[in-house]
Amino acid sequence: MNSNNFRMPARRLATAATVTALAAAPALLGAGAAHATTGHGRASAVVLRTGLDVSLLNKTVNVPLAVSLNEVQAPRSADRTALTARLDGVNGGRPFTVLGAEAASATATANGRLAEGSVRLVHARLHVPGLPLLSVVEVGTVTAKATCAAGKAPVASANVLGAVTVLGKRVSLTAGGPTEVKVPGVGEVRLDLSQRRTTSRTAAATALELKVSVNPLKLNVAEVNGTVTLAKATCETPAPARHTTPSDAGTAPEVKPQGAPGAQADLAETGGDSSTPYIAGGALALLLLGGGAVTVARRRRN
């Protein structure tokens, strides 16, 4: 009777030890499997970008003028203040100035928390082929900024401060709509002021966008048509951290024996996996406790 009373707790203890060992195996295997992944945002900035078509000699020759000043992708910055270009048949084949400014900077930054692009342009003059002495536009201070911070709504801002002169005429710009300037014998320019666009994750700001159509005295020597962008910044919000659980991680890869063949070469493949040591530990605990229970029972009967 006493031996039976002893064996029942011993069996329960051995079973509990085995269950504990088996339960610990998946817990230990899953330790450290949860992690967070974070995506960087994106940002860009450009002081000037042109998309112009230059027609020479009564449109017998068409030459594109696609240039940019201080165009950067995050994380970078640039602060050149002048841009020159060279087109065959224009200015005797010599470089001519497209944009000159007292200050021109573009900065783009992006990391896991913030993406931001910003542009600043001070006292700038824009020229196109065929008008070497007359500026298409002159501006005082131009800024554009796009900010995308994690957990916040994207923000875009653009400003044109100070006087604006288009084809030699002083103009007043309004944000309510485009401003058109026509100069007889020279051409026309349409200006869109301070364009801002935002979505749930992106922002874009453009201080000035110009649509240019220039044909001095309608001589068809250098007819210029196209668009010019002054001060543009964009951003995209960094992707939020994503926490994964062991179930998200998928099935663990099969662990295969490694090393040179030798003493184990004749052993049969057991098909064990990473939980085998824990199962073996539980079985060993059961064996030891069971053996101890038998020994004590025999002593009590003696």
Foldseek 3Di string as FASTA:
>chain_A
DVLVVLVVVLLVVLVVLLVVLLVVLVVVVFPPVKDKDWFKKKKKKFFKWWFKWKAADLNPDIDTDTDTHFTDIPQDKDKDFWDWDFDPLFPPRDIATAKGFPTWMWGWHMDRFKTKIKIKTAFMFGDDTPCRPWTQKTFGIKMWMWIFGPPDFIDIWIETDDWMAGRNRTDDDDQPDWDKDADPQWFIKIKHAWDWDGDRFKIKTFGIKMFTWTQHNVPRRITMTGMMTGIMMMMGHMDDMDIDGPVRVDDDDFDDDDDDDDPCVPPDDDSDGSSVVSSVVSVVSSVVSSVVSVVVSVVVVD
